[in-house]
Amino acid sequence: AIGPEGQSRIAPVRQSAAAAESVRQLADRLVAAGLAVPDGTR
C-alpha cells in the first residue's frame, strides 16, 4: 500500500491495507470460528 517509492501518507495506507485480501480472510476465519459477527449482522 505504501508503494514502490517506499513513502506515503499514513491515511491512504491504512485504508488500502484495511481492504486487503489478508484482512478479509482473517475476518472469514473469525466468523467461521464464531468469534466475529457476520457482515449481515455486524
Full PDB file with SEQRES, HELIX, SHEET, SSBOND, CRYST1, ORIGX, SCALE, CONECT and MASTER records, all heavy atoms in Angstrom:
SEQRES   1 A   42  ALA ILE GLY PRO GLU GLY GLN SER ARG ILE ALA PRO VAL          
SEQRES   2 A   42  ARG GLN SER ALA ALA ALA ALA GLU SER VAL ARG GLN LEU          
SEQRES   3 A   42  ALA ASP ARG LEU VAL ALA ALA GLY LEU ALA VAL PRO ASP          
SEQRES   4 A   42  GLY THR ARG                                                  
HELIX    1 AA1 ILE A   10  ALA A   18  1                                   9    
HELIX    2 AA2 GLU A   21  ALA A   32  1                                  12    
HELIX    3 AA3 ASP A   39  THR A   41  5                                   3    
CRYST1    1.000    1.000    1.000  90.00  90.00  90.00 P 1           1          
ORIGX1      1.000000  0.000000  0.000000        0.00000                         
ORIGX2      0.000000  1.000000  0.000000        0.00000                         
ORIGX3      0.000000  0.000000  1.000000        0.00000                         
SCALE1      1.000000  0.000000  0.000000        0.00000                         
SCALE2      0.000000  1.000000  0.000000        0.00000                         
SCALE3      0.000000  0.000000  1.000000        0.00000                         
ATOM      1  N   ALA A   1       0.818  -1.207   0.000  1.00  0.00           N  
ATOM      2  CA  ALA A   1       0.000   0.000   0.000  1.00  0.00           C  
ATOM      3  C   ALA A   1       0.857   1.263   0.000  1.00  0.00           C  
ATOM      4  O   ALA A   1       0.446   2.297  -0.552  1.00  0.00           O  
ATOM      5  CB  ALA A   1      -0.930   0.001   1.210  1.00  0.00           C  
ATOM      6  N   ILE A   2       2.011   1.195   0.617  1.00  0.00           N  
ATOM      7  CA  ILE A   2       2.908   2.366   0.617  1.00  0.00           C  
ATOM      8  C   ILE A   2       3.427   2.638  -0.782  1.00  0.00           C  
ATOM      9  O   ILE A   2       3.594   3.798  -1.183  1.00  0.00           O  
ATOM     10  CB  ILE A   2       4.064   2.146   1.607  1.00  0.00           C  
ATOM     11  CG1 ILE A   2       3.513   2.124   3.038  1.00  0.00           C  
ATOM     12  CG2 ILE A   2       5.136   3.211   1.469  1.00  0.00           C  
ATOM     13  CD1 ILE A   2       4.544   1.815   4.099  1.00  0.00           C  
ATOM     14  N   GLY A   3       3.682   1.586  -1.548  1.00  0.00           N  
ATOM     15  CA  GLY A   3       4.066   1.776  -2.936  1.00  0.00           C  
ATOM     16  C   GLY A   3       5.549   1.618  -3.184  1.00  0.00           C  
ATOM     17  O   GLY A   3       6.353   1.511  -2.252  1.00  0.00           O  
ATOM     18  N   PRO A   4       5.937   1.607  -4.466  1.00  0.00           N  
ATOM     19  CA  PRO A   4       7.332   1.346  -4.825  1.00  0.00           C  
ATOM     20  C   PRO A   4       8.301   2.436  -4.386  1.00  0.00           C  
ATOM     21  O   PRO A   4       9.502   2.184  -4.276  1.00  0.00           O  
ATOM     22  CB  PRO A   4       7.281   1.236  -6.357  1.00  0.00           C  
ATOM     23  CG  PRO A   4       6.064   2.013  -6.747  1.00  0.00           C  
ATOM     24  CD  PRO A   4       5.074   1.808  -5.640  1.00  0.00           C  
ATOM     25  N   GLU A   5       7.797   3.637  -4.155  1.00  0.00           N  
ATOM     26  CA  GLU A   5       8.689   4.716  -3.729  1.00  0.00           C  
ATOM     27  C   GLU A   5       9.097   4.590  -2.269  1.00  0.00           C  
ATOM     28  O   GLU A   5      10.002   5.288  -1.809  1.00  0.00           O  
ATOM     29  CB  GLU A   5       8.028   6.072  -3.974  1.00  0.00           C  
ATOM     30  CG  GLU A   5       7.768   6.364  -5.453  1.00  0.00           C  
ATOM     31  CD  GLU A   5       7.168   7.733  -5.662  1.00  0.00           C  
ATOM     32  OE1 GLU A   5       6.921   8.420  -4.644  1.00  0.00           O  
ATOM     33  OE2 GLU A   5       6.938   8.109  -6.816  1.00  0.00           O  
ATOM     34  N   GLY A   6       8.407   3.734  -1.526  1.00  0.00           N  
ATOM     35  CA  GLY A   6       8.774   3.499  -0.138  1.00  0.00           C  
ATOM     36  C   GLY A   6       8.324   4.558   0.829  1.00  0.00           C  
ATOM     37  O   GLY A   6       8.747   4.552   1.990  1.00  0.00           O  
ATOM     38  N   GLN A   7       7.432   5.442   0.389  1.00  0.00           N  
ATOM     39  CA  GLN A   7       6.965   6.508   1.279  1.00  0.00           C  
ATOM     40  C   GLN A   7       5.565   6.928   0.846  1.00  0.00           C  
ATOM     41  O   GLN A   7       5.269   7.036  -0.341  1.00  0.00           O  
ATOM     42  CB  GLN A   7       7.903   7.714   1.233  1.00  0.00           C  
ATOM     43  CG  GLN A   7       7.633   8.754   2.323  1.00  0.00           C  
ATOM     44  CD  GLN A   7       8.675   9.858   2.307  1.00  0.00           C  
ATOM     45  OE1 GLN A   7       8.925  10.477   1.279  1.00  0.00           O  
ATOM     46  NE2 GLN A   7       9.313  10.087   3.455  1.00  0.00           N  
ATOM     47  N   SER A   8       4.716   7.156   1.829  1.00  0.00           N  
ATOM     48  CA  SER A   8       3.336   7.523   1.516  1.00  0.00           C  
ATOM     49  C   SER A   8       2.690   8.123   2.761  1.00  0.00           C  
ATOM     50  O   SER A   8       3.163   7.944   3.888  1.00  0.00           O  
ATOM     51  CB  SER A   8       2.543   6.305   1.050  1.00  0.00           C  
ATOM     52  OG  SER A   8       1.172   6.621   0.867  1.00  0.00           O  
ATOM     53  N   ARG A   9       1.596   8.828   2.536  1.00  0.00           N  
ATOM     54  CA  ARG A   9       0.796   9.299   3.658  1.00  0.00           C  
ATOM     55  C   ARG A   9       0.202   8.099   4.391  1.00  0.00           C  
ATOM     56  O   ARG A   9      -0.112   7.074   3.783  1.00  0.00           O  
ATOM     57  CB  ARG A   9      -0.337  10.201   3.166  1.00  0.00           C  
ATOM     58  CG  ARG A   9       0.096  11.399   2.348  1.00  0.00           C  
ATOM     59  CD  ARG A   9       0.684  12.497   3.183  1.00  0.00           C  
ATOM     60  NE  ARG A   9      -0.231  12.962   4.223  1.00  0.00           N  
ATOM     61  CZ  ARG A   9       0.084  13.944   5.087  1.00  0.00           C  
ATOM     62  NH1 ARG A   9       1.285  14.508   5.028  1.00  0.00           N  
ATOM     63  NH2 ARG A   9      -0.769  14.339   5.990  1.00  0.00           N  
ATOM     64  N   ILE A  10       0.031   8.220   5.704  1.00  0.00           N  
ATOM     65  CA  ILE A  10      -0.457   7.099   6.510  1.00  0.00           C  
ATOM     66  C   ILE A  10      -1.936   6.820   6.243  1.00  0.00           C  
ATOM     67  O   ILE A  10      -2.348   5.662   6.177  1.00  0.00           O  
ATOM     68  CB  ILE A  10      -0.218   7.382   8.004  1.00  0.00           C  
ATOM     69  CG1 ILE A  10       1.281   7.344   8.306  1.00  0.00           C  
ATOM     70  CG2 ILE A  10      -0.951   6.369   8.876  1.00  0.00           C  
ATOM     71  CD1 ILE A  10       1.624   7.682   9.736  1.00  0.00           C  
ATOM     72  N   ALA A  11      -2.745   7.854   6.066  1.00  0.00           N  
ATOM     73  CA  ALA A  11      -4.189   7.657   5.918  1.00  0.00           C  
ATOM     74  C   ALA A  11      -4.540   6.755   4.729  1.00  0.00           C  
ATOM     75  O   ALA A  11      -5.298   5.787   4.898  1.00  0.00           O  
ATOM     76  CB  ALA A  11      -4.900   9.009   5.802  1.00  0.00           C  
ATOM     77  N   PRO A  12      -4.030   7.004   3.520  1.00  0.00           N  
ATOM     78  CA  PRO A  12      -4.362   6.082   2.416  1.00  0.00           C  
ATOM     79  C   PRO A  12      -3.760   4.692   2.593  1.00  0.00           C  
ATOM     80  O   PRO A  12      -4.338   3.707   2.130  1.00  0.00           O  
ATOM     81  CB  PRO A  12      -3.796   6.788   1.179  1.00  0.00           C  
ATOM     82  CG  PRO A  12      -2.784   7.748   1.691  1.00  0.00           C  
ATOM     83  CD  PRO A  12      -3.274   8.171   3.029  1.00  0.00           C  
ATOM     84  N   VAL A  13      -2.614   4.604   3.250  1.00  0.00           N  
ATOM     85  CA  VAL A  13      -2.022   3.286   3.518  1.00  0.00           C  
ATOM     86  C   VAL A  13      -2.934   2.491   4.439  1.00  0.00           C  
ATOM     87  O   VAL A  13      -3.204   1.303   4.204  1.00  0.00           O  
ATOM     88  CB  VAL A  13      -0.614   3.437   4.135  1.00  0.00           C  
ATOM     89  CG1 VAL A  13      -0.086   2.089   4.606  1.00  0.00           C  
ATOM     90  CG2 VAL A  13       0.336   4.054   3.130  1.00  0.00           C  
ATOM     91  N   ARG A  14      -3.406   3.130   5.486  1.00  0.00           N  
ATOM     92  CA  ARG A  14      -4.302   2.444   6.418  1.00  0.00           C  
ATOM     93  C   ARG A  14      -5.578   1.985   5.712  1.00  0.00           C  
ATOM     94  O   ARG A  14      -6.055   0.868   5.915  1.00  0.00           O  
ATOM     95  CB  ARG A  14      -4.634   3.371   7.580  1.00  0.00           C  
ATOM     96  CG  ARG A  14      -5.647   2.810   8.563  1.00  0.00           C  
ATOM     97  CD  ARG A  14      -5.785   3.714   9.776  1.00  0.00           C  
ATOM     98  NE  ARG A  14      -5.971   5.109   9.407  1.00  0.00           N  
ATOM     99  CZ  ARG A  14      -5.975   6.123  10.270  1.00  0.00           C  
ATOM    100  NH1 ARG A  14      -5.770   5.882  11.556  1.00  0.00           N  
ATOM    101  NH2 ARG A  14      -6.166   7.357   9.867  1.00  0.00           N  
ATOM    102  N   GLN A  15      -6.138   2.840   4.872  1.00  0.00           N  
ATOM    103  CA  GLN A  15      -7.365   2.499   4.161  1.00  0.00           C  
ATOM    104  C   GLN A  15      -7.144   1.341   3.197  1.00  0.00           C  
ATOM    105  O   GLN A  15      -7.955   0.416   3.128  1.00  0.00           O  
ATOM    106  CB  GLN A  15      -7.874   3.724   3.397  1.00  0.00           C  
ATOM    107  CG  GLN A  15      -9.181   3.498   2.663  1.00  0.00           C  
ATOM    108  CD  GLN A  15      -9.674   4.754   1.980  1.00  0.00           C  
ATOM    109  OE1 GLN A  15      -9.025   5.800   2.023  1.00  0.00           O  
ATOM    110  NE2 GLN A  15     -10.819   4.666   1.344  1.00  0.00           N  
ATOM    111  N   SER A  16      -6.041   1.380   2.464  1.00  0.00           N  
ATOM    112  CA  SER A  16      -5.758   0.318   1.499  1.00  0.00           C  
ATOM    113  C   SER A  16      -5.454  -1.003   2.195  1.00  0.00           C  
ATOM    114  O   SER A  16      -5.941  -2.067   1.789  1.00  0.00           O  
ATOM    115  CB  SER A  16      -4.584   0.731   0.610  1.00  0.00           C  
ATOM    116  OG  SER A  16      -4.251  -0.299  -0.296  1.00  0.00           O  
ATOM    117  N   ALA A  17      -4.666  -0.958   3.269  1.00  0.00           N  
ATOM    118  CA  ALA A  17      -4.325  -2.178   3.999  1.00  0.00           C  
ATOM    119  C   ALA A  17      -5.556  -2.789   4.662  1.00  0.00           C  
ATOM    120  O   ALA A  17      -5.683  -4.013   4.763  1.00  0.00           O  
ATOM    121  CB  ALA A  17      -3.244  -1.883   5.037  1.00  0.00           C  
ATOM    122  N   ALA A  18      -6.481  -1.949   5.132  1.00  0.00           N  
ATOM    123  CA  ALA A  18      -7.694  -2.465   5.766  1.00  0.00           C  
ATOM    124  C   ALA A  18      -8.580  -3.218   4.774  1.00  0.00           C  
ATOM    125  O   ALA A  18      -9.346  -4.100   5.173  1.00  0.00           O  
ATOM    126  CB  ALA A  18      -8.473  -1.319   6.403  1.00  0.00           C  
ATOM    127  N   ALA A  19      -8.480  -2.873   3.504  1.00  0.00           N  
ATOM    128  CA  ALA A  19      -9.295  -3.531   2.482  1.00  0.00           C  
ATOM    129  C   ALA A  19      -8.570  -4.682   1.801  1.00  0.00           C  
ATOM    130  O   ALA A  19      -9.087  -5.243   0.830  1.00  0.00           O  
ATOM    131  CB  ALA A  19      -9.725  -2.501   1.433  1.00  0.00           C  
ATOM    132  N   ALA A  20      -7.413  -5.059   2.296  1.00  0.00           N  
ATOM    133  CA  ALA A  20      -6.609  -6.095   1.652  1.00  0.00           C  
ATOM    134  C   ALA A  20      -7.252  -7.473   1.813  1.00  0.00           C  
ATOM    135  O   ALA A  20      -8.045  -7.712   2.734  1.00  0.00           O  
ATOM    136  CB  ALA A  20      -5.200  -6.108   2.243  1.00  0.00           C  
ATOM    137  N   GLU A  21      -6.876  -8.371   0.926  1.00  0.00           N  
ATOM    138  CA  GLU A  21      -7.411  -9.733   0.958  1.00  0.00           C  
ATOM    139  C   GLU A  21      -7.047 -10.457   2.248  1.00  0.00           C  
ATOM    140  O   GLU A  21      -7.824 -11.258   2.769  1.00  0.00           O  
ATOM    141  CB  GLU A  21      -6.877 -10.510  -0.244  1.00  0.00           C  
ATOM    142  CG  GLU A  21      -7.355 -11.944  -0.328  1.00  0.00           C  
ATOM    143  CD  GLU A  21      -8.862 -12.052  -0.509  1.00  0.00           C  
ATOM    144  OE1 GLU A  21      -9.466 -11.087  -1.026  1.00  0.00           O  
ATOM    145  OE2 GLU A  21      -9.427 -13.099  -0.128  1.00  0.00           O  
ATOM    146  N   SER A  22      -5.859 -10.176   2.790  1.00  0.00           N  
ATOM    147  CA  SER A  22      -5.443 -10.836   4.022  1.00  0.00           C  
ATOM    148  C   SER A  22      -6.364 -10.496   5.185  1.00  0.00           C  
ATOM    149  O   SER A  22      -6.649 -11.348   6.035  1.00  0.00           O  
ATOM    150  CB  SER A  22      -4.005 -10.434   4.362  1.00  0.00           C  
ATOM    151  OG  SER A  22      -3.885  -9.024   4.454  1.00  0.00           O  
ATOM    152  N   VAL A  23      -6.862  -9.267   5.219  1.00  0.00           N  
ATOM    153  CA  VAL A  23      -7.791  -8.880   6.280  1.00  0.00           C  
ATOM    154  C   VAL A  23      -9.144  -9.548   6.076  1.00  0.00           C  
ATOM    155  O   VAL A  23      -9.783 -10.000   7.040  1.00  0.00           O  
ATOM    156  CB  VAL A  23      -7.935  -7.342   6.331  1.00  0.00           C  
ATOM    157  CG1 VAL A  23      -8.941  -6.938   7.398  1.00  0.00           C  
ATOM    158  CG2 VAL A  23      -6.591  -6.694   6.612  1.00  0.00           C  
ATOM    159  N   ARG A  24      -9.586  -9.640   4.823  1.00  0.00           N  
ATOM    160  CA  ARG A  24     -10.860 -10.325   4.561  1.00  0.00           C  
ATOM    161  C   ARG A  24     -10.786 -11.799   4.946  1.00  0.00           C  
ATOM    162  O   ARG A  24     -11.738 -12.359   5.486  1.00  0.00           O  
ATOM    163  CB  ARG A  24     -11.235 -10.173   3.081  1.00  0.00           C  
ATOM    164  CG  ARG A  24     -11.699  -8.773   2.701  1.00  0.00           C  
ATOM    165  CD  ARG A  24     -12.347  -8.774   1.331  1.00  0.00           C  
ATOM    166  NE  ARG A  24     -11.378  -9.029   0.285  1.00  0.00           N  
ATOM    167  CZ  ARG A  24     -10.702  -8.083  -0.352  1.00  0.00           C  
ATOM    168  NH1 ARG A  24     -10.879  -6.804  -0.010  1.00  0.00           N  
ATOM    169  NH2 ARG A  24      -9.850  -8.379  -1.315  1.00  0.00           N  
ATOM    170  N   GLN A  25      -9.662 -12.430   4.667  1.00  0.00           N  
ATOM    171  CA  GLN A  25      -9.501 -13.831   5.062  1.00  0.00           C  
ATOM    172  C   GLN A  25      -9.495 -13.976   6.579  1.00  0.00           C  
ATOM    173  O   GLN A  25     -10.056 -14.926   7.123  1.00  0.00           O  
ATOM    174  CB  GLN A  25      -8.214 -14.386   4.461  1.00  0.00           C  
ATOM    175  CG  GLN A  25      -8.244 -14.511   2.948  1.00  0.00           C  
ATOM    176  CD  GLN A  25      -6.923 -14.970   2.369  1.00  0.00           C  
ATOM    177  OE1 GLN A  25      -5.932 -15.130   3.092  1.00  0.00           O  
ATOM    178  NE2 GLN A  25      -6.880 -15.182   1.063  1.00  0.00           N  
ATOM    179  N   LEU A  26      -8.861 -13.030   7.269  1.00  0.00           N  
ATOM    180  CA  LEU A  26      -8.870 -13.045   8.732  1.00  0.00           C  
ATOM    181  C   LEU A  26     -10.298 -12.931   9.257  1.00  0.00           C  
ATOM    182  O   LEU A  26     -10.699 -13.662  10.178  1.00  0.00           O  
ATOM    183  CB  LEU A  26      -8.015 -11.892   9.262  1.00  0.00           C  
ATOM    184  CG  LEU A  26      -8.064 -11.643  10.772  1.00  0.00           C  
ATOM    185  CD1 LEU A  26      -7.435 -12.815  11.526  1.00  0.00           C  
ATOM    186  CD2 LEU A  26      -7.332 -10.342  11.123  1.00  0.00           C  
ATOM    187  N   ALA A  27     -11.087 -12.030   8.664  1.00  0.00           N  
ATOM    188  CA  ALA A  27     -12.474 -11.863   9.075  1.00  0.00           C  
ATOM    189  C   ALA A  27     -13.269 -13.149   8.845  1.00  0.00           C  
ATOM    190  O   ALA A  27     -14.058 -13.557   9.707  1.00  0.00           O  
ATOM    191  CB  ALA A  27     -13.107 -10.703   8.317  1.00  0.00           C  
ATOM    192  N   ASP A  28     -13.059 -13.790   7.708  1.00  0.00           N  
ATOM    193  CA  ASP A  28     -13.787 -15.031   7.413  1.00  0.00           C  
ATOM    194  C   ASP A  28     -13.452 -16.122   8.425  1.00  0.00           C  
ATOM    195  O   ASP A  28     -14.333 -16.873   8.862  1.00  0.00           O  
ATOM    196  CB  ASP A  28     -13.447 -15.507   6.000  1.00  0.00           C  
ATOM    197  CG  ASP A  28     -14.005 -14.585   4.921  1.00  0.00           C  
ATOM    198  OD1 ASP A  28     -14.930 -13.816   5.230  1.00  0.00           O  
ATOM    199  OD2 ASP A  28     -13.499 -14.629   3.786  1.00  0.00           O  
ATOM    200  N   ARG A  29     -12.181 -16.201   8.807  1.00  0.00           N  
ATOM    201  CA  ARG A  29     -11.793 -17.229   9.790  1.00  0.00           C  
ATOM    202  C   ARG A  29     -12.445 -16.956  11.143  1.00  0.00           C  
ATOM    203  O   ARG A  29     -12.896 -17.893  11.822  1.00  0.00           O  
ATOM    204  CB  ARG A  29     -10.268 -17.266   9.930  1.00  0.00           C  
ATOM    205  CG  ARG A  29      -9.546 -17.821   8.701  1.00  0.00           C  
ATOM    206  CD  ARG A  29      -8.105 -18.166   9.037  1.00  0.00           C  
ATOM    207  NE  ARG A  29      -7.335 -17.004   9.481  1.00  0.00           N  
ATOM    208  CZ  ARG A  29      -6.650 -16.201   8.671  1.00  0.00           C  
ATOM    209  NH1 ARG A  29      -6.646 -16.433   7.358  1.00  0.00           N  
ATOM    210  NH2 ARG A  29      -5.960 -15.183   9.148  1.00  0.00           N  
ATOM    211  N   LEU A  30     -12.495 -15.712  11.537  1.00  0.00           N  
ATOM    212  CA  LEU A  30     -13.099 -15.377  12.827  1.00  0.00           C  
ATOM    213  C   LEU A  30     -14.601 -15.620  12.823  1.00  0.00           C  
ATOM    214  O   LEU A  30     -15.177 -16.070  13.819  1.00  0.00           O  
ATOM    215  CB  LEU A  30     -12.792 -13.912  13.174  1.00  0.00           C  
ATOM    216  CG  LEU A  30     -11.337 -13.614  13.544  1.00  0.00           C  
ATOM    217  CD1 LEU A  30     -11.112 -12.110  13.669  1.00  0.00           C  
ATOM    218  CD2 LEU A  30     -10.951 -14.308  14.844  1.00  0.00           C  
ATOM    219  N   VAL A  31     -15.248 -15.311  11.699  1.00  0.00           N  
ATOM    220  CA  VAL A  31     -16.681 -15.583  11.599  1.00  0.00           C  
ATOM    221  C   VAL A  31     -16.945 -17.080  11.660  1.00  0.00           C  
ATOM    222  O   VAL A  31     -17.851 -17.555  12.351  1.00  0.00           O  
ATOM    223  CB  VAL A  31     -17.249 -14.978  10.292  1.00  0.00           C  
ATOM    224  CG1 VAL A  31     -18.682 -15.463  10.060  1.00  0.00           C  
ATOM    225  CG2 VAL A  31     -17.216 -13.454  10.361  1.00  0.00           C  
ATOM    226  N   ALA A  32     -16.131 -17.852  10.943  1.00  0.00           N  
ATOM    227  CA  ALA A  32     -16.302 -19.307  10.946  1.00  0.00           C  
ATOM    228  C   ALA A  32     -16.074 -19.896  12.332  1.00  0.00           C  
ATOM    229  O   ALA A  32     -16.691 -20.908  12.691  1.00  0.00           O  
ATOM    230  CB  ALA A  32     -15.340 -19.944   9.940  1.00  0.00           C  
ATOM    231  N   ALA A  33     -15.206 -19.287  13.118  1.00  0.00           N  
ATOM    232  CA  ALA A  33     -14.940 -19.766  14.477  1.00  0.00           C  
ATOM    233  C   ALA A  33     -15.971 -19.274  15.483  1.00  0.00           C  
ATOM    234  O   ALA A  33     -15.907 -19.627  16.663  1.00  0.00           O  
ATOM    235  CB  ALA A  33     -13.540 -19.332  14.914  1.00  0.00           C  
ATOM    236  N   GLY A  34     -16.922 -18.445  15.034  1.00  0.00           N  
ATOM    237  CA  GLY A  34     -17.935 -17.931  15.946  1.00  0.00           C  
ATOM    238  C   GLY A  34     -17.460 -16.786  16.817  1.00  0.00           C  
ATOM    239  O   GLY A  34     -18.112 -16.446  17.806  1.00  0.00           O  
ATOM    240  N   LEU A  35     -16.335 -16.166  16.470  1.00  0.00           N  
ATOM    241  CA  LEU A  35     -15.773 -15.087  17.286  1.00  0.00           C  
ATOM    242  C   LEU A  35     -16.113 -13.700  16.765  1.00  0.00           C  
ATOM    243  O   LEU A  35     -16.074 -12.728  17.517  1.00  0.00           O  
ATOM    244  CB  LEU A  35     -14.246 -15.238  17.367  1.00  0.00           C  
ATOM    245  CG  LEU A  35     -13.748 -16.553  17.967  1.00  0.00           C  
ATOM    246  CD1 LEU A  35     -12.223 -16.603  17.921  1.00  0.00           C  
ATOM    247  CD2 LEU A  35     -14.256 -16.722  19.390  1.00  0.00           C  
ATOM    248  N   ALA A  36     -16.432 -13.595  15.478  1.00  0.00           N  
ATOM    249  CA  ALA A  36     -16.765 -12.312  14.875  1.00  0.00           C  
ATOM    250  C   ALA A  36     -18.196 -12.340  14.369  1.00  0.00           C  
ATOM    251  O   ALA A  36     -18.749 -13.403  14.065  1.00  0.00           O  
ATOM    252  CB  ALA A  36     -15.800 -11.981  13.727  1.00  0.00           C  
ATOM    253  N   VAL A  37     -18.792 -11.164  14.275  1.00  0.00           N  
ATOM    254  CA  VAL A  37     -20.164 -11.041  13.793  1.00  0.00           C  
ATOM    255  C   VAL A  37     -20.145 -11.021  12.271  1.00  0.00           C  
ATOM    256  O   VAL A  37     -19.372 -10.272  11.672  1.00  0.00           O  
ATOM    257  CB  VAL A  37     -20.803  -9.744  14.336  1.00  0.00           C  
ATOM    258  CG1 VAL A  37     -22.233  -9.604  13.848  1.00  0.00           C  
ATOM    259  CG2 VAL A  37     -20.745  -9.726  15.854  1.00  0.00           C  
ATOM    260  N   PRO A  38     -20.979 -11.818  11.601  1.00  0.00           N  
ATOM    261  CA  PRO A  38     -21.019 -11.792  10.133  1.00  0.00           C  
ATOM    262  C   PRO A  38     -21.401 -10.422   9.604  1.00  0.00           C  
ATOM    263  O   PRO A  38     -22.017  -9.607  10.300  1.00  0.00           O  
ATOM    264  CB  PRO A  38     -22.093 -12.836   9.793  1.00  0.00           C  
ATOM    265  CG  PRO A  38     -22.177 -13.710  10.997  1.00  0.00           C  
ATOM    266  CD  PRO A  38     -21.872 -12.834  12.172  1.00  0.00           C  
ATOM    267  N   ASP A  39     -21.044 -10.181   8.351  1.00  0.00           N  
ATOM    268  CA  ASP A  39     -21.289  -8.871   7.744  1.00  0.00           C  
ATOM    269  C   ASP A  39     -22.751  -8.465   7.824  1.00  0.00           C  
ATOM    270  O   ASP A  39     -23.071  -7.321   8.112  1.00  0.00           O  
ATOM    271  CB  ASP A  39     -20.864  -8.887   6.268  1.00  0.00           C  
ATOM    272  CG  ASP A  39     -19.352  -8.840   6.123  1.00  0.00           C  
ATOM    273  OD1 ASP A  39     -18.698  -8.310   7.028  1.00  0.00           O  
ATOM    274  OD2 ASP A  39     -18.835  -9.339   5.107  1.00  0.00           O  
ATOM    275  N   GLY A  40     -23.652  -9.394   7.584  1.00  0.00           N  
ATOM    276  CA  GLY A  40     -25.058  -9.052   7.544  1.00  0.00           C  
ATOM    277  C   GLY A  40     -25.621  -8.584   8.867  1.00  0.00           C  
ATOM    278  O   GLY A  40     -26.639  -7.896   8.904  1.00  0.00           O  
ATOM    279  N   THR A  41     -24.974  -8.934   9.985  1.00  0.00           N  
ATOM    280  CA  THR A  41     -25.494  -8.558  11.301  1.00  0.00           C  
ATOM    281  C   THR A  41     -24.495  -7.741  12.093  1.00  0.00           C  
ATOM    282  O   THR A  41     -24.628  -7.585  13.292  1.00  0.00           O  
ATOM    283  CB  THR A  41     -25.853  -9.821  12.117  1.00  0.00           C  
ATOM    284  OG1 THR A  41     -24.676 -10.623  12.253  1.00  0.00           O  
ATOM    285  CG2 THR A  41     -26.933 -10.621  11.426  1.00  0.00           C  
ATOM    286  N   ARG A  42     -23.481  -7.185  11.406  1.00  0.00           N  
ATOM    287  CA  ARG A  42     -22.376  -6.570  12.130  1.00  0.00           C  
ATOM    288  C   ARG A  42     -22.802  -5.374  12.976  1.00  0.00           C  
ATOM    289  O   ARG A  42     -22.309  -5.165  14.058  1.00  0.00           O  
ATOM    290  CB  ARG A  42     -21.288  -6.154  11.130  1.00  0.00           C  
ATOM    291  CG  ARG A  42     -20.056  -5.573  11.762  1.00  0.00           C  
ATOM    292  CD  ARG A  42     -18.851  -5.798  10.891  1.00  0.00           C  
ATOM    293  NE  ARG A  42     -18.448  -7.190  10.902  1.00  0.00           N  
ATOM    294  CZ  ARG A  42     -17.793  -7.777   9.912  1.00  0.00           C  
ATOM    295  NH1 ARG A  42     -17.498  -7.116   8.820  1.00  0.00           N  
ATOM    296  NH2 ARG A  42     -17.453  -9.049  10.005  1.00  0.00           N  
TER     297      ARG A  42                                                      
MASTER        0    0    0    3    0    0    0    6  296    1    0    4          
END                                                                             
